[in-house]
Amino acid sequence: MINGANKTLDEQEMTIKDLVNTPLKKAALLVFILTNIGMVAVPVALAAYGGALGWSAGEVASASGIGFAVNEVVLIASALLLGKPIVALVKSKIKNRFGKKK
């Protein structure tokens, strides 16, 4: 594999800017990032909100579970819109940023 034509997707030098080239994919990428943050933020926020309103533990757990499930559905939908190359690139960038330093 001397020339660049035979390289696999992982071996090619790609950036998010190269892969997110339409307004729909830009919106999907934003939703993808926000829903990844929302995996933690939504249940915590709903639990705090329910606690402030005096909800029972069952009501807080139910609302948090529903919020988490809705967040996951939106995450999967945005990942499907983005496609495998972009999701793999974003995952590798997250691992590089937050992974163990050698």
N, C-alpha and C. Protein backbone atom coordinates (compact mmCIF):
# COMPACT_ATOMS: atom_id res chain seq x y z
N MET A 1 0.82 -1.19 0.00
CA MET A 1 0.00 0.00 0.00
C MET A 1 0.86 1.25 0.00
N ILE A 2 1.51 1.47 -1.09
CA ILE A 2 2.37 2.63 -1.19
C ILE A 2 1.56 3.89 -1.51
N ASN A 3 0.61 3.78 -2.42
CA ASN A 3 -0.17 4.97 -2.76
C ASN A 3 -1.38 5.11 -1.84
N GLY A 4 -1.97 6.30 -1.83
CA GLY A 4 -3.08 6.59 -0.92
C GLY A 4 -4.41 6.02 -1.35
N ALA A 5 -4.50 5.51 -2.60
CA ALA A 5 -5.78 5.03 -3.11
C ALA A 5 -6.22 3.74 -2.43
N ASN A 6 -5.30 2.95 -1.94
CA ASN A 6 -5.64 1.67 -1.34
C ASN A 6 -5.80 1.73 0.18
N LYS A 7 -5.72 2.88 0.76
CA LYS A 7 -5.83 3.00 2.21
C LYS A 7 -7.27 2.80 2.65
N THR A 8 -7.43 2.21 3.83
CA THR A 8 -8.77 2.06 4.38
C THR A 8 -9.21 3.38 4.98
N LEU A 9 -10.48 3.44 5.38
CA LEU A 9 -11.03 4.67 5.94
C LEU A 9 -10.27 5.09 7.19
N ASP A 10 -9.88 4.12 8.04
CA ASP A 10 -9.17 4.46 9.27
C ASP A 10 -7.78 5.01 8.99
N GLU A 11 -7.17 4.62 7.89
CA GLU A 11 -5.83 5.06 7.58
C GLU A 11 -5.79 6.42 6.90
N GLN A 12 -6.89 6.83 6.30
CA GLN A 12 -6.91 8.11 5.61
C GLN A 12 -6.94 9.24 6.62
N GLU A 13 -6.34 10.35 6.24
CA GLU A 13 -6.35 11.54 7.09
C GLU A 13 -7.64 12.29 6.80
N MET A 14 -8.65 12.11 7.68
CA MET A 14 -9.93 12.77 7.49
C MET A 14 -10.22 13.66 8.69
N THR A 15 -10.90 14.71 8.43
CA THR A 15 -11.31 15.60 9.50
C THR A 15 -12.83 15.66 9.54
N ILE A 16 -13.35 16.12 10.63
CA ILE A 16 -14.80 16.27 10.75
C ILE A 16 -15.30 17.24 9.70
N LYS A 17 -14.53 18.28 9.42
CA LYS A 17 -14.94 19.28 8.44
C LYS A 17 -15.09 18.65 7.05
N ASP A 18 -14.25 17.68 6.72
CA ASP A 18 -14.35 17.00 5.43
C ASP A 18 -15.60 16.13 5.34
N LEU A 19 -15.98 15.52 6.45
CA LEU A 19 -17.09 14.58 6.44
C LEU A 19 -18.45 15.24 6.67
N VAL A 20 -18.47 16.33 7.41
CA VAL A 20 -19.72 17.04 7.68
C VAL A 20 -19.83 18.18 6.67
N ASN A 21 -20.39 17.84 5.52
CA ASN A 21 -20.36 18.79 4.42
C ASN A 21 -21.74 19.29 4.00
N THR A 22 -22.79 18.95 4.73
CA THR A 22 -24.13 19.45 4.43
C THR A 22 -24.74 20.04 5.69
N PRO A 23 -25.72 20.92 5.54
CA PRO A 23 -26.38 21.48 6.73
C PRO A 23 -27.04 20.41 7.60
N LEU A 24 -27.59 19.36 6.98
CA LEU A 24 -28.22 18.29 7.75
C LEU A 24 -27.19 17.56 8.60
N LYS A 25 -26.03 17.28 8.03
CA LYS A 25 -24.99 16.59 8.79
C LYS A 25 -24.41 17.49 9.88
N LYS A 26 -24.34 18.79 9.63
CA LYS A 26 -23.88 19.71 10.67
C LYS A 26 -24.84 19.71 11.85
N ALA A 27 -26.13 19.74 11.56
CA ALA A 27 -27.14 19.70 12.62
C ALA A 27 -27.10 18.36 13.35
N ALA A 28 -26.94 17.28 12.60
CA ALA A 28 -26.87 15.95 13.21
C ALA A 28 -25.65 15.82 14.11
N LEU A 29 -24.52 16.41 13.71
CA LEU A 29 -23.31 16.37 14.54
C LEU A 29 -23.53 17.14 15.84
N LEU A 30 -24.16 18.30 15.75
CA LEU A 30 -24.46 19.08 16.95
C LEU A 30 -25.37 18.29 17.89
N VAL A 31 -26.40 17.66 17.33
CA VAL A 31 -27.31 16.84 18.15
C VAL A 31 -26.56 15.66 18.74
N PHE A 32 -25.68 15.03 17.96
CA PHE A 32 -24.90 13.89 18.45
C PHE A 32 -24.05 14.28 19.65
N ILE A 33 -23.39 15.41 19.56
CA ILE A 33 -22.53 15.88 20.67
C ILE A 33 -23.38 16.23 21.89
N LEU A 34 -24.47 16.95 21.67
CA LEU A 34 -25.33 17.35 22.79
C LEU A 34 -25.97 16.15 23.48
N THR A 35 -26.36 15.13 22.71
CA THR A 35 -26.97 13.96 23.34
C THR A 35 -25.94 13.12 24.09
N ASN A 36 -24.69 13.15 23.65
CA ASN A 36 -23.65 12.48 24.44
C ASN A 36 -23.48 13.16 25.79
N ILE A 37 -23.53 14.47 25.82
CA ILE A 37 -23.47 15.20 27.08
C ILE A 37 -24.75 14.94 27.88
N GLY A 38 -25.86 14.86 27.16
CA GLY A 38 -27.16 14.64 27.81
C GLY A 38 -27.32 13.29 28.48
N MET A 39 -26.47 12.32 28.14
CA MET A 39 -26.56 11.01 28.80
C MET A 39 -26.42 11.14 30.31
N VAL A 40 -25.63 12.08 30.73
CA VAL A 40 -25.45 12.32 32.16
C VAL A 40 -26.31 13.49 32.62
N ALA A 41 -26.36 14.53 31.83
CA ALA A 41 -27.01 15.76 32.25
C ALA A 41 -28.53 15.63 32.38
N VAL A 42 -29.18 14.91 31.47
CA VAL A 42 -30.64 14.81 31.51
C VAL A 42 -31.13 14.10 32.77
N PRO A 43 -30.65 12.90 33.09
CA PRO A 43 -31.12 12.26 34.32
C PRO A 43 -30.79 13.06 35.59
N VAL A 44 -29.61 13.66 35.63
CA VAL A 44 -29.23 14.46 36.80
C VAL A 44 -30.14 15.68 36.93
N ALA A 45 -30.39 16.36 35.82
CA ALA A 45 -31.25 17.54 35.85
C ALA A 45 -32.68 17.18 36.24
N LEU A 46 -33.19 16.09 35.69
CA LEU A 46 -34.55 15.67 36.05
C LEU A 46 -34.64 15.24 37.51
N ALA A 47 -33.61 14.59 38.01
CA ALA A 47 -33.61 14.20 39.43
C ALA A 47 -33.58 15.44 40.33
N ALA A 48 -32.77 16.42 39.97
CA ALA A 48 -32.71 17.65 40.76
C ALA A 48 -34.03 18.40 40.69
N TYR A 49 -34.62 18.47 39.51
CA TYR A 49 -35.91 19.16 39.33
C TYR A 49 -37.01 18.45 40.11
N GLY A 50 -37.05 17.14 40.02
CA GLY A 50 -38.06 16.36 40.75
C GLY A 50 -37.88 16.48 42.25
N GLY A 51 -36.63 16.49 42.69
CA GLY A 51 -36.36 16.65 44.11
C GLY A 51 -36.81 18.01 44.62
N ALA A 52 -36.61 19.03 43.80
CA ALA A 52 -37.03 20.39 44.19
C ALA A 52 -38.55 20.52 44.26
N LEU A 53 -39.24 19.75 43.44
CA LEU A 53 -40.70 19.80 43.44
C LEU A 53 -41.34 18.84 44.45
N GLY A 54 -40.51 18.05 45.12
CA GLY A 54 -41.02 17.13 46.12
C GLY A 54 -41.57 15.83 45.55
N TRP A 55 -41.09 15.43 44.38
CA TRP A 55 -41.54 14.17 43.80
C TRP A 55 -41.04 13.00 44.65
N SER A 56 -41.76 11.89 44.59
CA SER A 56 -41.31 10.69 45.29
C SER A 56 -40.13 10.09 44.52
N ALA A 57 -39.43 9.15 45.16
CA ALA A 57 -38.28 8.51 44.51
C ALA A 57 -38.71 7.79 43.25
N GLY A 58 -39.88 7.19 43.24
CA GLY A 58 -40.39 6.49 42.06
C GLY A 58 -40.65 7.43 40.91
N GLU A 59 -41.21 8.60 41.22
CA GLU A 59 -41.48 9.59 40.18
C GLU A 59 -40.18 10.14 39.59
N VAL A 60 -39.21 10.38 40.45
CA VAL A 60 -37.91 10.87 39.98
C VAL A 60 -37.23 9.82 39.10
N ALA A 61 -37.27 8.56 39.54
CA ALA A 61 -36.65 7.48 38.77
C ALA A 61 -37.36 7.30 37.43
N SER A 62 -38.68 7.39 37.43
CA SER A 62 -39.45 7.24 36.20
C SER A 62 -39.13 8.37 35.22
N ALA A 63 -39.15 9.60 35.69
CA ALA A 63 -38.85 10.74 34.83
C ALA A 63 -37.42 10.68 34.30
N SER A 64 -36.48 10.30 35.15
CA SER A 64 -35.09 10.19 34.72
C SER A 64 -34.92 9.08 33.68
N GLY A 65 -35.57 7.97 33.89
CA GLY A 65 -35.50 6.86 32.93
C GLY A 65 -36.08 7.23 31.58
N ILE A 66 -37.23 7.91 31.60
CA ILE A 66 -37.85 8.34 30.35
C ILE A 66 -36.95 9.36 29.65
N GLY A 67 -36.40 10.30 30.40
CA GLY A 67 -35.50 11.29 29.81
C GLY A 67 -34.27 10.65 29.20
N PHE A 68 -33.71 9.65 29.88
CA PHE A 68 -32.55 8.94 29.36
C PHE A 68 -32.90 8.19 28.08
N ALA A 69 -34.07 7.53 28.06
CA ALA A 69 -34.50 6.77 26.89
C ALA A 69 -34.71 7.68 25.68
N VAL A 70 -35.36 8.82 25.89
CA VAL A 70 -35.57 9.78 24.79
C VAL A 70 -34.22 10.28 24.28
N ASN A 71 -33.30 10.55 25.19
CA ASN A 71 -31.96 10.99 24.81
C ASN A 71 -31.27 9.94 23.94
N GLU A 72 -31.40 8.67 24.30
CA GLU A 72 -30.77 7.59 23.54
C GLU A 72 -31.37 7.47 22.14
N VAL A 73 -32.68 7.62 22.02
CA VAL A 73 -33.33 7.54 20.71
C VAL A 73 -32.82 8.66 19.81
N VAL A 74 -32.70 9.86 20.34
CA VAL A 74 -32.20 10.99 19.55
C VAL A 74 -30.73 10.76 19.18
N LEU A 75 -29.95 10.20 20.10
CA LEU A 75 -28.54 9.90 19.83
C LEU A 75 -28.41 8.90 18.68
N ILE A 76 -29.20 7.84 18.72
CA ILE A 76 -29.14 6.82 17.66
C ILE A 76 -29.58 7.41 16.32
N ALA A 77 -30.63 8.22 16.33
CA ALA A 77 -31.09 8.84 15.09
C ALA A 77 -30.02 9.75 14.50
N SER A 78 -29.36 10.54 15.34
CA SER A 78 -28.31 11.42 14.81
C SER A 78 -27.12 10.61 14.31
N ALA A 79 -26.79 9.51 14.99
CA ALA A 79 -25.69 8.66 14.54
C ALA A 79 -26.01 8.03 13.18
N LEU A 80 -27.27 7.65 12.97
CA LEU A 80 -27.66 7.09 11.68
C LEU A 80 -27.56 8.14 10.57
N LEU A 81 -27.93 9.37 10.88
CA LEU A 81 -27.81 10.45 9.88
C LEU A 81 -26.35 10.74 9.54
N LEU A 82 -25.49 10.66 10.55
CA LEU A 82 -24.08 10.98 10.33
C LEU A 82 -23.36 9.90 9.56
N GLY A 83 -23.65 8.66 9.84
CA GLY A 83 -22.98 7.56 9.18
C GLY A 83 -21.77 7.08 9.96
N LYS A 84 -21.31 5.91 9.61
CA LYS A 84 -20.22 5.25 10.34
C LYS A 84 -18.90 6.02 10.34
N PRO A 85 -18.46 6.62 9.22
CA PRO A 85 -17.16 7.30 9.24
C PRO A 85 -17.09 8.46 10.23
N ILE A 86 -18.15 9.22 10.32
CA ILE A 86 -18.14 10.38 11.22
C ILE A 86 -18.20 9.93 12.67
N VAL A 87 -19.04 8.94 12.95
CA VAL A 87 -19.15 8.45 14.32
C VAL A 87 -17.81 7.86 14.77
N ALA A 88 -17.15 7.11 13.90
CA ALA A 88 -15.84 6.54 14.24
C ALA A 88 -14.81 7.64 14.48
N LEU A 89 -14.85 8.70 13.66
CA LEU A 89 -13.90 9.81 13.83
C LEU A 89 -14.14 10.55 15.14
N VAL A 90 -15.41 10.81 15.45
CA VAL A 90 -15.73 11.50 16.71
C VAL A 90 -15.32 10.65 17.90
N LYS A 91 -15.59 9.35 17.84
CA LYS A 91 -15.20 8.46 18.95
C LYS A 91 -13.69 8.45 19.14
N SER A 92 -12.94 8.41 18.04
CA SER A 92 -11.48 8.40 18.17
C SER A 92 -10.96 9.71 18.74
N LYS A 93 -11.58 10.83 18.35
CA LYS A 93 -11.16 12.13 18.90
C LYS A 93 -11.47 12.22 20.39
N ILE A 94 -12.61 11.69 20.81
CA ILE A 94 -12.97 11.69 22.23
C ILE A 94 -12.00 10.82 23.01
N LYS A 95 -11.67 9.64 22.46
CA LYS A 95 -10.72 8.76 23.14
C LYS A 95 -9.35 9.40 23.25
N ASN A 96 -8.93 10.10 22.20
CA ASN A 96 -7.63 10.77 22.24
C ASN A 96 -7.61 11.88 23.27
N ARG A 97 -8.70 12.61 23.39
CA ARG A 97 -8.75 13.73 24.32
C ARG A 97 -8.86 13.27 25.78
N PHE A 98 -9.69 12.27 26.02
CA PHE A 98 -9.97 11.86 27.39
C PHE A 98 -9.34 10.51 27.77
N GLY A 99 -8.65 9.90 26.85
CA GLY A 99 -8.03 8.60 27.12
C GLY A 99 -6.80 8.74 28.00
N LYS A 100 -6.26 7.59 28.36
CA LYS A 100 -5.06 7.58 29.20
C LYS A 100 -3.88 8.15 28.45
N LYS A 101 -3.12 8.97 29.11
CA LYS A 101 -1.91 9.55 28.53
C LYS A 101 -0.75 8.58 28.72
N LYS A 102 0.02 8.41 27.66
CA LYS A 102 1.17 7.49 27.77
C LYS A 102 2.44 8.25 27.97
